[in-house]
Amino acid sequence: MTGREKWVVAILAAGVFAILLGIFIMATRTRIPVSHIYVNAQGAHLLAQAGEGATAAADWPGAFRANPQAADAAFWPTATLDFGGGHSVIVPRRDVLLWVYRG
């Protein structure tokens, strides 16, 4: 390979890397709209401590239903749930039983 070919390959590789890095950064910062979630007793306790109530789910014994407006992407072991008024609560993902997304 000539010097010019190496330069072109390096520029193309850097461009692909920059695009993939941009996609990853956007995916980690994106908020996903949520209709409601079902959490276990530990998750309901965490939500109650934060001032966001979770009601007992009539259709799922032992589960509790909460209504956040949005959540972060599923890349981390914890879920940041955004409720009304800009209030956020961090809950371990193992405490979330079911996600129901909008749309």
Protein backbone atom coordinates (compact mmCIF):
# COMPACT_ATOMS: atom_id res chain seq x y z
CA MET A 1 0.00 0.00 0.00
CA THR A 2 1.14 3.46 -0.76
CA GLY A 3 1.09 6.28 1.75
CA ARG A 4 -1.99 7.79 0.12
CA GLU A 5 -3.92 4.48 0.31
CA LYS A 6 -3.05 4.11 3.99
CA TRP A 7 -4.26 7.67 4.59
CA VAL A 8 -7.59 6.97 2.83
CA VAL A 9 -8.09 3.74 4.81
CA ALA A 10 -7.33 5.56 8.07
CA ILE A 11 -9.81 8.36 7.24
CA LEU A 12 -12.54 5.85 6.33
CA ALA A 13 -11.92 3.79 9.49
CA ALA A 14 -12.03 6.92 11.65
CA GLY A 15 -15.29 7.96 9.97
CA VAL A 16 -16.92 4.58 10.62
CA PHE A 17 -15.71 4.67 14.23
CA ALA A 18 -17.10 8.20 14.71
CA ILE A 19 -20.49 7.19 13.29
CA LEU A 20 -20.71 4.11 15.55
CA LEU A 21 -19.63 6.15 18.58
CA GLY A 22 -22.31 8.74 17.79
CA ILE A 23 -24.98 6.05 17.53
CA PHE A 24 -23.92 4.56 20.87
CA ILE A 25 -23.90 7.95 22.62
CA MET A 26 -27.34 8.78 21.21
CA ALA A 27 -28.70 5.38 22.29
CA THR A 28 -27.44 5.77 25.86
CA ARG A 29 -28.97 9.24 26.23
CA THR A 30 -32.34 8.54 24.59
CA ARG A 31 -35.44 8.54 26.78
CA ILE A 32 -38.06 5.96 25.80
CA PRO A 33 -41.75 6.79 26.38
CA VAL A 34 -43.39 4.31 28.74
CA SER A 35 -47.11 3.71 29.22
CA HIS A 36 -46.71 1.86 32.54
CA ILE A 37 -44.55 -0.75 34.25
CA TYR A 38 -45.09 -3.62 36.63
CA VAL A 39 -42.62 -3.94 39.51
CA ASN A 40 -42.13 -6.43 42.33
CA ALA A 41 -42.45 -5.57 46.03
CA GLN A 42 -38.88 -4.23 46.28
CA GLY A 43 -39.45 -1.93 43.31
CA ALA A 44 -42.74 -0.72 44.79
CA HIS A 45 -40.95 0.01 48.07
CA LEU A 46 -38.27 2.06 46.27
CA LEU A 47 -40.94 4.01 44.39
CA ALA A 48 -42.85 4.67 47.62
CA GLN A 49 -39.67 5.93 49.31
CA ALA A 50 -39.15 8.33 46.41
CA GLY A 51 -42.70 9.64 46.70
CA GLU A 52 -44.05 7.92 43.59
CA GLY A 53 -46.74 5.43 44.46
CA ALA A 54 -47.20 2.05 42.87
CA THR A 55 -50.64 0.46 43.11
CA ALA A 56 -51.32 -3.25 43.37
CA ALA A 57 -51.91 -4.75 39.92
CA ALA A 58 -55.36 -6.34 39.73
CA ASP A 59 -54.37 -8.59 36.83
CA TRP A 60 -51.03 -9.78 38.25
CA PRO A 61 -50.94 -11.03 41.88
CA GLY A 62 -47.82 -9.87 43.71
CA ALA A 63 -47.03 -7.16 41.16
CA PHE A 64 -47.42 -3.42 41.46
CA ARG A 65 -48.19 -0.97 38.66
CA ALA A 66 -46.49 2.42 38.26
CA ASN A 67 -46.95 5.05 35.56
CA PRO A 68 -43.68 6.74 34.63
CA GLN A 69 -43.60 8.97 31.56
CA ALA A 70 -40.25 7.76 30.22
CA ALA A 71 -37.27 5.54 30.99
CA ASP A 72 -33.68 5.29 29.84
CA ALA A 73 -32.42 2.71 27.37
CA ALA A 74 -31.74 -0.86 28.53
CA PHE A 75 -27.94 -0.71 28.61
CA TRP A 76 -27.45 -0.39 32.37
CA PRO A 77 -28.33 -2.58 35.38
CA THR A 78 -30.52 0.21 36.79
CA ALA A 79 -33.49 1.94 35.22
CA THR A 80 -34.05 5.67 35.57
CA LEU A 81 -37.80 6.27 35.51
CA ASP A 82 -39.00 9.80 34.73
CA PHE A 83 -42.26 10.80 36.38
CA GLY A 84 -44.29 14.00 36.05
CA GLY A 85 -42.74 17.30 37.08
CA GLY A 86 -39.21 16.21 36.18
CA HIS A 87 -38.95 13.80 39.13
CA SER A 88 -36.73 10.76 38.44
CA VAL A 89 -36.37 7.50 40.35
CA ILE A 90 -33.61 4.91 39.90
CA VAL A 91 -34.78 1.30 40.24
CA PRO A 92 -32.75 -1.90 39.65
CA ARG A 93 -33.89 -3.58 36.43
CA ARG A 94 -34.34 -6.88 38.26
CA ASP A 95 -37.24 -5.25 40.16
CA VAL A 96 -39.11 -4.39 36.94
CA LEU A 97 -41.30 -7.30 35.87
CA LEU A 98 -42.84 -5.90 32.68
CA TRP A 99 -42.38 -2.78 30.53
CA VAL A 100 -45.33 -1.48 28.50
CA TYR A 101 -44.13 1.07 25.97
CA ARG A 102 -46.21 3.72 24.21
CA GLY A 103 -46.84 3.35 20.52
